[in-house]
Amino acid sequence: MIQKINAPISVNLVYDHKRKSVYPKYIHWDSKTYQVTKIGLHHTYHLGKTLYHVFSIDTPTLFFKLVMNTENLHWSVEEIADGECN
């Protein structure tokens, strides 16, 4: 079931200088830590002058849609899903 939310989230990132990539490795939300097992889509968009990065990630138990605001470097979770049909 997909649930739309807009909540702050803490993210641990990895920067791989050999691949020249940045990706979330762990997320901390709702008093729990989740290890990222797979990164799906990553895209960006502008809202006014602010650039946003959107990551779709899998953890062992949930799917998350994360958004990072590059103006203030704050992260939020916009959607979670448990894999069950609505």
PDB file of N, CA and C in Angstrom:
ATOM      1  N   MET A   1       0.840  -1.168   0.000  1.00  0.00           N
ATOM      2  CA  MET A   1       0.000   0.000   0.000  1.00  0.00           C
ATOM      3  C   MET A   1       0.893   1.241   0.000  1.00  0.00           C
ATOM      4  N   ILE A   2       0.619   2.159  -0.895  1.00  0.00           N
ATOM      5  CA  ILE A   2       1.377   3.402  -0.975  1.00  0.00           C
ATOM      6  C   ILE A   2       0.735   4.443  -0.075  1.00  0.00           C
ATOM      7  N   GLN A   3       1.573   5.099   0.720  1.00  0.00           N
ATOM      8  CA  GLN A   3       1.095   6.150   1.613  1.00  0.00           C
ATOM      9  C   GLN A   3       1.881   7.419   1.314  1.00  0.00           C
ATOM     10  N   LYS A   4       1.174   8.493   0.969  1.00  0.00           N
ATOM     11  CA  LYS A   4       1.810   9.782   0.713  1.00  0.00           C
ATOM     12  C   LYS A   4       1.954  10.524   2.028  1.00  0.00           C
ATOM     13  N   ILE A   5       3.174  10.972   2.291  1.00  0.00           N
ATOM     14  CA  ILE A   5       3.453  11.740   3.497  1.00  0.00           C
ATOM     15  C   ILE A   5       4.455  12.821   3.135  1.00  0.00           C
ATOM     16  N   ASN A   6       4.694  13.723   4.022  1.00  0.00           N
ATOM     17  CA  ASN A   6       5.734  14.736   3.844  1.00  0.00           C
ATOM     18  C   ASN A   6       6.355  14.950   5.217  1.00  0.00           C
ATOM     19  N   ALA A   7       7.428  14.191   5.486  1.00  0.00           N
ATOM     20  CA  ALA A   7       8.047  14.231   6.802  1.00  0.00           C
ATOM     21  C   ALA A   7       9.555  14.361   6.665  1.00  0.00           C
ATOM     22  N   PRO A   8      10.188  15.084   7.586  1.00  0.00           N
ATOM     23  CA  PRO A   8      11.649  15.165   7.542  1.00  0.00           C
ATOM     24  C   PRO A   8      12.267  13.795   7.800  1.00  0.00           C
ATOM     25  N   ILE A   9      13.436  13.587   7.219  1.00  0.00           N
ATOM     26  CA  ILE A   9      14.124  12.304   7.341  1.00  0.00           C
ATOM     27  C   ILE A   9      15.623  12.561   7.390  1.00  0.00           C
ATOM     28  N   SER A  10      16.348  11.719   8.115  1.00  0.00           N
ATOM     29  CA  SER A  10      17.809  11.801   8.140  1.00  0.00           C
ATOM     30  C   SER A  10      18.371  10.778   7.168  1.00  0.00           C
ATOM     31  N   VAL A  11      19.400  11.182   6.430  1.00  0.00           N
ATOM     32  CA  VAL A  11      19.971  10.334   5.384  1.00  0.00           C
ATOM     33  C   VAL A  11      21.486  10.302   5.520  1.00  0.00           C
ATOM     34  N   ASN A  12      22.058   9.099   5.473  1.00  0.00           N
ATOM     35  CA  ASN A  12      23.507   8.938   5.381  1.00  0.00           C
ATOM     36  C   ASN A  12      23.842   8.684   3.917  1.00  0.00           C
ATOM     37  N   LEU A  13      24.708   9.537   3.371  1.00  0.00           N
ATOM     38  CA  LEU A  13      25.081   9.445   1.957  1.00  0.00           C
ATOM     39  C   LEU A  13      26.476   8.873   1.800  1.00  0.00           C
ATOM     40  N   VAL A  14      26.703   8.309   0.613  1.00  0.00           N
ATOM     41  CA  VAL A  14      28.028   7.860   0.217  1.00  0.00           C
ATOM     42  C   VAL A  14      28.398   8.600  -1.051  1.00  0.00           C
ATOM     43  N   TYR A  15      29.626   9.127  -1.065  1.00  0.00           N
ATOM     44  CA  TYR A  15      30.148   9.714  -2.293  1.00  0.00           C
ATOM     45  C   TYR A  15      31.252   8.808  -2.789  1.00  0.00           C
ATOM     46  N   ASP A  16      31.084   8.256  -3.983  1.00  0.00           N
ATOM     47  CA  ASP A  16      32.067   7.375  -4.596  1.00  0.00           C
ATOM     48  C   ASP A  16      32.826   8.178  -5.643  1.00  0.00           C
ATOM     49  N   HIS A  17      34.069   8.567  -5.329  1.00  0.00           N
ATOM     50  CA  HIS A  17      34.831   9.412  -6.244  1.00  0.00           C
ATOM     51  C   HIS A  17      35.226   8.673  -7.523  1.00  0.00           C
ATOM     52  N   LYS A  18      35.339   7.352  -7.476  1.00  0.00           N
ATOM     53  CA  LYS A  18      35.692   6.594  -8.680  1.00  0.00           C
ATOM     54  C   LYS A  18      34.533   6.561  -9.674  1.00  0.00           C
ATOM     55  N   ARG A  19      33.338   6.380  -9.160  1.00  0.00           N
ATOM     56  CA  ARG A  19      32.141   6.368 -10.026  1.00  0.00           C
ATOM     57  C   ARG A  19      31.548   7.752 -10.218  1.00  0.00           C
ATOM     58  N   LYS A  20      32.039   8.705  -9.425  1.00  0.00           N
ATOM     59  CA  LYS A  20      31.500  10.070  -9.428  1.00  0.00           C
ATOM     60  C   LYS A  20      29.985  10.050  -9.177  1.00  0.00           C
ATOM     61  N   SER A  21      29.604   9.378  -8.101  1.00  0.00           N
ATOM     62  CA  SER A  21      28.188   9.274  -7.773  1.00  0.00           C
ATOM     63  C   SER A  21      27.962   9.483  -6.277  1.00  0.00           C
ATOM     64  N   VAL A  22      26.777   9.956  -5.973  1.00  0.00           N
ATOM     65  CA  VAL A  22      26.325  10.161  -4.603  1.00  0.00           C
ATOM     66  C   VAL A  22      25.021   9.394  -4.452  1.00  0.00           C
ATOM     67  N   TYR A  23      24.897   8.645  -3.361  1.00  0.00           N
ATOM     68  CA  TYR A  23      23.668   7.886  -3.164  1.00  0.00           C
ATOM     69  C   TYR A  23      23.416   7.658  -1.676  1.00  0.00           C
ATOM     70  N   PRO A  24      22.143   7.533  -1.294  1.00  0.00           N
ATOM     71  CA  PRO A  24      21.805   7.252   0.103  1.00  0.00           C
ATOM     72  C   PRO A  24      22.185   5.819   0.468  1.00  0.00           C
ATOM     73  N   LYS A  25      22.744   5.643   1.657  1.00  0.00           N
ATOM     74  CA  LYS A  25      23.129   4.313   2.139  1.00  0.00           C
ATOM     75  C   LYS A  25      22.239   3.856   3.286  1.00  0.00           C
ATOM     76  N   TYR A  26      21.926   4.771   4.190  1.00  0.00           N
ATOM     77  CA  TYR A  26      21.026   4.496   5.316  1.00  0.00           C
ATOM     78  C   TYR A  26      20.063   5.660   5.464  1.00  0.00           C
ATOM     79  N   ILE A  27      18.844   5.357   5.899  1.00  0.00           N
ATOM     80  CA  ILE A  27      17.903   6.418   6.239  1.00  0.00           C
ATOM     81  C   ILE A  27      17.403   6.181   7.658  1.00  0.00           C
ATOM     82  N   HIS A  28      17.113   7.260   8.332  1.00  0.00           N
ATOM     83  CA  HIS A  28      16.628   7.204   9.714  1.00  0.00           C
ATOM     84  C   HIS A  28      15.286   7.927   9.742  1.00  0.00           C
ATOM     85  N   TRP A  29      14.221   7.160   9.993  1.00  0.00           N
ATOM     86  CA  TRP A  29      12.878   7.728   9.978  1.00  0.00           C
ATOM     87  C   TRP A  29      12.011   7.000  10.985  1.00  0.00           C
ATOM     88  N   ASP A  30      11.197   7.747  11.672  1.00  0.00           N
ATOM     89  CA  ASP A  30      10.236   7.187  12.622  1.00  0.00           C
ATOM     90  C   ASP A  30      10.934   6.305  13.669  1.00  0.00           C
ATOM     91  N   SER A  31      12.068   6.796  14.189  1.00  0.00           N
ATOM     92  CA  SER A  31      12.858   6.116  15.221  1.00  0.00           C
ATOM     93  C   SER A  31      13.439   4.777  14.770  1.00  0.00           C
ATOM     94  N   LYS A  32      13.565   4.571  13.452  1.00  0.00           N
ATOM     95  CA  LYS A  32      14.137   3.334  12.916  1.00  0.00           C
ATOM     96  C   LYS A  32      15.200   3.674  11.879  1.00  0.00           C
ATOM     97  N   THR A  33      16.160   2.780  11.742  1.00  0.00           N
ATOM     98  CA  THR A  33      17.193   2.909  10.723  1.00  0.00           C
ATOM     99  C   THR A  33      16.966   1.840   9.672  1.00  0.00           C
ATOM    100  N   TYR A  34      17.003   2.257   8.399  1.00  0.00           N
ATOM    101  CA  TYR A  34      16.800   1.353   7.277  1.00  0.00           C
ATOM    102  C   TYR A  34      18.028   1.391   6.383  1.00  0.00           C
ATOM    103  N   GLN A  35      18.532   0.221   5.999  1.00  0.00           N
ATOM    104  CA  GLN A  35      19.639   0.159   5.058  1.00  0.00           C
ATOM    105  C   GLN A  35      19.069   0.139   3.644  1.00  0.00           C
ATOM    106  N   VAL A  36      19.622   0.972   2.790  1.00  0.00           N
ATOM    107  CA  VAL A  36      19.190   1.023   1.395  1.00  0.00           C
ATOM    108  C   VAL A  36      19.772  -0.186   0.675  1.00  0.00           C
ATOM    109  N   THR A  37      18.904  -1.001   0.090  1.00  0.00           N
ATOM    110  CA  THR A  37      19.363  -2.191  -0.625  1.00  0.00           C
ATOM    111  C   THR A  37      19.373  -1.993  -2.129  1.00  0.00           C
ATOM    112  N   LYS A  38      18.570  -1.036  -2.610  1.00  0.00           N
ATOM    113  CA  LYS A  38      18.515  -0.790  -4.047  1.00  0.00           C
ATOM    114  C   LYS A  38      18.052   0.638  -4.288  1.00  0.00           C
ATOM    115  N   ILE A  39      18.682   1.277  -5.265  1.00  0.00           N
ATOM    116  CA  ILE A  39      18.255   2.606  -5.680  1.00  0.00           C
ATOM    117  C   ILE A  39      17.581   2.454  -7.033  1.00  0.00           C
ATOM    118  N   GLY A  40      16.349   2.903  -7.092  1.00  0.00           N
ATOM    119  CA  GLY A  40      15.605   2.850  -8.349  1.00  0.00           C
ATOM    120  C   GLY A  40      15.863   4.112  -9.146  1.00  0.00           C
ATOM    121  N   LEU A  41      14.825   4.844  -9.415  1.00  0.00           N
ATOM    122  CA  LEU A  41      14.953   6.062 -10.197  1.00  0.00           C
ATOM    123  C   LEU A  41      15.563   7.197  -9.386  1.00  0.00           C
ATOM    124  N   HIS A  42      16.331   8.013 -10.062  1.00  0.00           N
ATOM    125  CA  HIS A  42      16.838   9.263  -9.501  1.00  0.00           C
ATOM    126  C   HIS A  42      16.619  10.325 -10.558  1.00  0.00           C
ATOM    127  N   HIS A  43      15.968  11.412 -10.174  1.00  0.00           N
ATOM    128  CA  HIS A  43      15.786  12.519 -11.112  1.00  0.00           C
ATOM    129  C   HIS A  43      15.799  13.833 -10.339  1.00  0.00           C
ATOM    130  N   THR A  44      15.862  14.916 -11.087  1.00  0.00           N
ATOM    131  CA  THR A  44      15.878  16.245 -10.486  1.00  0.00           C
ATOM    132  C   THR A  44      14.779  17.092 -11.113  1.00  0.00           C
ATOM    133  N   TYR A  45      14.406  18.132 -10.388  1.00  0.00           N
ATOM    134  CA  TYR A  45      13.487  19.136 -10.928  1.00  0.00           C
ATOM    135  C   TYR A  45      13.739  20.451 -10.226  1.00  0.00           C
ATOM    136  N   HIS A  46      13.322  21.523 -10.875  1.00  0.00           N
ATOM    137  CA  HIS A  46      13.441  22.865 -10.298  1.00  0.00           C
ATOM    138  C   HIS A  46      12.064  23.361  -9.886  1.00  0.00           C
ATOM    139  N   LEU A  47      12.010  24.019  -8.765  1.00  0.00           N
ATOM    140  CA  LEU A  47      10.821  24.730  -8.322  1.00  0.00           C
ATOM    141  C   LEU A  47      11.315  26.132  -7.990  1.00  0.00           C
ATOM    142  N   GLY A  48      11.066  27.064  -8.898  1.00  0.00           N
ATOM    143  CA  GLY A  48      11.684  28.378  -8.780  1.00  0.00           C
ATOM    144  C   GLY A  48      13.170  28.224  -9.022  1.00  0.00           C
ATOM    145  N   LYS A  49      13.982  28.770  -8.127  1.00  0.00           N
ATOM    146  CA  LYS A  49      15.432  28.667  -8.255  1.00  0.00           C
ATOM    147  C   LYS A  49      16.003  27.431  -7.554  1.00  0.00           C
ATOM    148  N   THR A  50      15.166  26.718  -6.825  1.00  0.00           N
ATOM    149  CA  THR A  50      15.645  25.599  -6.018  1.00  0.00           C
ATOM    150  C   THR A  50      15.630  24.302  -6.813  1.00  0.00           C
ATOM    151  N   LEU A  51      16.752  23.584  -6.752  1.00  0.00           N
ATOM    152  CA  LEU A  51      16.884  22.273  -7.384  1.00  0.00           C
ATOM    153  C   LEU A  51      16.571  21.200  -6.348  1.00  0.00           C
ATOM    154  N   TYR A  52      15.763  20.225  -6.735  1.00  0.00           N
ATOM    155  CA  TYR A  52      15.404  19.097  -5.881  1.00  0.00           C
ATOM    156  C   TYR A  52      15.896  17.808  -6.516  1.00  0.00           C
ATOM    157  N   HIS A  53      16.432  16.909  -5.686  1.00  0.00           N
ATOM    158  CA  HIS A  53      16.808  15.563  -6.117  1.00  0.00           C
ATOM    159  C   HIS A  53      15.790  14.594  -5.546  1.00  0.00           C
ATOM    160  N   VAL A  54      15.304  13.688  -6.377  1.00  0.00           N
ATOM    161  CA  VAL A  54      14.322  12.692  -5.958  1.00  0.00           C
ATOM    162  C   VAL A  54      14.948  11.304  -6.135  1.00  0.00           C
ATOM    163  N   PHE A  55      14.927  10.511  -5.073  1.00  0.00           N
ATOM    164  CA  PHE A  55      15.445   9.145  -5.101  1.00  0.00           C
ATOM    165  C   PHE A  55      14.317   8.186  -4.745  1.00  0.00           C
ATOM    166  N   SER A  56      14.184   7.132  -5.507  1.00  0.00           N
ATOM    167  CA  SER A  56      13.300   6.021  -5.161  1.00  0.00           C
ATOM    168  C   SER A  56      14.203   4.899  -4.663  1.00  0.00           C
ATOM    169  N   ILE A  57      13.990   4.449  -3.436  1.00  0.00           N
ATOM    170  CA  ILE A  57      14.881   3.452  -2.845  1.00  0.00           C
ATOM    171  C   ILE A  57      14.087   2.298  -2.243  1.00  0.00           C
ATOM    172  N   ASP A  58      14.749   1.151  -2.175  1.00  0.00           N
ATOM    173  CA  ASP A  58      14.211  -0.026  -1.499  1.00  0.00           C
ATOM    174  C   ASP A  58      15.035  -0.299  -0.261  1.00  0.00           C
ATOM    175  N   THR A  59      14.355  -0.770   0.765  1.00  0.00           N
ATOM    176  CA  THR A  59      14.992  -1.305   1.960  1.00  0.00           C
ATOM    177  C   THR A  59      14.459  -2.731   2.099  1.00  0.00           C
ATOM    178  N   PRO A  60      14.963  -3.505   3.038  1.00  0.00           N
ATOM    179  CA  PRO A  60      14.438  -4.873   3.167  1.00  0.00           C
ATOM    180  C   PRO A  60      12.928  -4.952   3.422  1.00  0.00           C
ATOM    181  N   THR A  61      12.328  -3.902   3.977  1.00  0.00           N
ATOM    182  CA  THR A  61      10.904  -3.992   4.331  1.00  0.00           C
ATOM    183  C   THR A  61      10.008  -2.966   3.644  1.00  0.00           C
ATOM    184  N   LEU A  62      10.566  -1.831   3.206  1.00  0.00           N
ATOM    185  CA  LEU A  62       9.735  -0.762   2.656  1.00  0.00           C
ATOM    186  C   LEU A  62      10.380  -0.119   1.434  1.00  0.00           C
ATOM    187  N   PHE A  63       9.552   0.544   0.645  1.00  0.00           N
ATOM    188  CA  PHE A  63       9.975   1.389  -0.464  1.00  0.00           C
ATOM    189  C   PHE A  63       9.804   2.834  -0.004  1.00  0.00           C
ATOM    190  N   PHE A  64      10.756   3.705  -0.346  1.00  0.00           N
ATOM    191  CA  PHE A  64      10.686   5.117   0.021  1.00  0.00           C
ATOM    192  C   PHE A  64      10.919   5.988  -1.207  1.00  0.00           C
ATOM    193  N   LYS A  65      10.231   7.103  -1.258  1.00  0.00           N
ATOM    194  CA  LYS A  65      10.515   8.165  -2.228  1.00  0.00           C
ATOM    195  C   LYS A  65      11.047   9.339  -1.414  1.00  0.00           C
ATOM    196  N   LEU A  66      12.340   9.655  -1.616  1.00  0.00           N
ATOM    197  CA  LEU A  66      13.014  10.695  -0.853  1.00  0.00           C
ATOM    198  C   LEU A  66      13.267  11.914  -1.721  1.00  0.00           C
ATOM    199  N   VAL A  67      13.213  13.094  -1.109  1.00  0.00           N
ATOM    200  CA  VAL A  67      13.471  14.340  -1.829  1.00  0.00           C
ATOM    201  C   VAL A  67      14.472  15.165  -1.031  1.00  0.00           C
ATOM    202  N   MET A  68      15.502  15.665  -1.734  1.00  0.00           N
ATOM    203  CA  MET A  68      16.477  16.547  -1.107  1.00  0.00           C
ATOM    204  C   MET A  68      16.387  17.932  -1.731  1.00  0.00           C
ATOM    205  N   ASN A  69      16.238  18.939  -0.891  1.00  0.00           N
ATOM    206  CA  ASN A  69      16.207  20.339  -1.284  1.00  0.00           C
ATOM    207  C   ASN A  69      17.646  20.837  -1.289  1.00  0.00           C
ATOM    208  N   THR A  70      18.189  21.228  -2.457  1.00  0.00           N
ATOM    209  CA  THR A  70      19.591  21.634  -2.520  1.00  0.00           C
ATOM    210  C   THR A  70      19.839  23.038  -1.977  1.00  0.00           C
ATOM    211  N   GLU A  71      18.798  23.802  -1.758  1.00  0.00           N
ATOM    212  CA  GLU A  71      18.982  25.141  -1.187  1.00  0.00           C
ATOM    213  C   GLU A  71      19.378  25.059   0.285  1.00  0.00           C
ATOM    214  N   ASN A  72      18.706  24.176   1.028  1.00  0.00           N
ATOM    215  CA  ASN A  72      19.000  24.064   2.462  1.00  0.00           C
ATOM    216  C   ASN A  72      19.547  22.683   2.858  1.00  0.00           C
ATOM    217  N   LEU A  73      19.674  21.765   1.887  1.00  0.00           N
ATOM    218  CA  LEU A  73      20.182  20.409   2.083  1.00  0.00           C
ATOM    219  C   LEU A  73      19.326  19.579   3.044  1.00  0.00           C
ATOM    220  N   HIS A  74      18.049  19.890   3.123  1.00  0.00           N
ATOM    221  CA  HIS A  74      17.119  19.121   3.951  1.00  0.00           C
ATOM    222  C   HIS A  74      16.496  18.011   3.122  1.00  0.00           C
ATOM    223  N   TRP A  75      16.254  16.886   3.796  1.00  0.00           N
ATOM    224  CA  TRP A  75      15.643  15.717   3.171  1.00  0.00           C
ATOM    225  C   TRP A  75      14.241  15.516   3.721  1.00  0.00           C
ATOM    226  N   SER A  76      13.365  14.969   2.867  1.00  0.00           N
ATOM    227  CA  SER A  76      12.035  14.581   3.321  1.00  0.00           C
ATOM    228  C   SER A  76      11.628  13.286   2.638  1.00  0.00           C
ATOM    229  N   VAL A  77      10.767  12.553   3.277  1.00  0.00           N
ATOM    230  CA  VAL A  77      10.188  11.357   2.675  1.00  0.00           C
ATOM    231  C   VAL A  77       8.805  11.757   2.182  1.00  0.00           C
ATOM    232  N   GLU A  78       8.512  11.490   0.908  1.00  0.00           N
ATOM    233  CA  GLU A  78       7.223  11.865   0.322  1.00  0.00           C
ATOM    234  C   GLU A  78       6.272  10.681   0.212  1.00  0.00           C
ATOM    235  N   GLU A  79       6.809   9.485   0.027  1.00  0.00           N
ATOM    236  CA  GLU A  79       5.964   8.296  -0.088  1.00  0.00           C
ATOM    237  C   GLU A  79       6.665   7.115   0.567  1.00  0.00           C
ATOM    238  N   ILE A  80       5.857   6.226   1.126  1.00  0.00           N
ATOM    239  CA  ILE A  80       6.348   4.933   1.565  1.00  0.00           C
ATOM    240  C   ILE A  80       5.388   3.881   1.037  1.00  0.00           C
ATOM    241  N   ALA A  81       5.891   2.687   0.826  1.00  0.00           N
ATOM    242  CA  ALA A  81       5.042   1.588   0.373  1.00  0.00           C
ATOM    243  C   ALA A  81       5.598   0.292   0.960  1.00  0.00           C
ATOM    244  N   ASP A  82       4.680  -0.625   1.249  1.00  0.00           N
ATOM    245  CA  ASP A  82       5.090  -1.906   1.822  1.00  0.00           C
ATOM    246  C   ASP A  82       5.042  -3.037   0.809  1.00  0.00           C
ATOM    247  N   GLY A  83       4.733  -2.728  -0.448  1.00  0.00           N
ATOM    248  CA  GLY A  83       4.698  -3.755  -1.484  1.00  0.00           C
ATOM    249  C   GLY A  83       3.346  -4.401  -1.657  1.00  0.00           C
ATOM    250  N   GLU A  84       2.423  -4.147  -0.776  1.00  0.00           N
ATOM    251  CA  GLU A  84       1.072  -4.694  -0.897  1.00  0.00           C
ATOM    252  C   GLU A  84       0.227  -3.837  -1.830  1.00  0.00           C
ATOM    253  N   CYS A  85      -0.719  -4.439  -2.488  1.00  0.00           N
ATOM    254  CA  CYS A  85      -1.634  -3.700  -3.364  1.00  0.00           C
ATOM    255  C   CYS A  85      -2.579  -2.848  -2.528  1.00  0.00           C
ATOM    256  N   ASN A  86      -2.957  -1.675  -3.084  1.00  0.00           N
ATOM    257  CA  ASN A  86      -3.910  -0.790  -2.392  1.00  0.00           C
ATOM    258  C   ASN A  86      -5.282  -1.388  -2.359  1.00  0.00           C
TER     259      ASN A  86
END
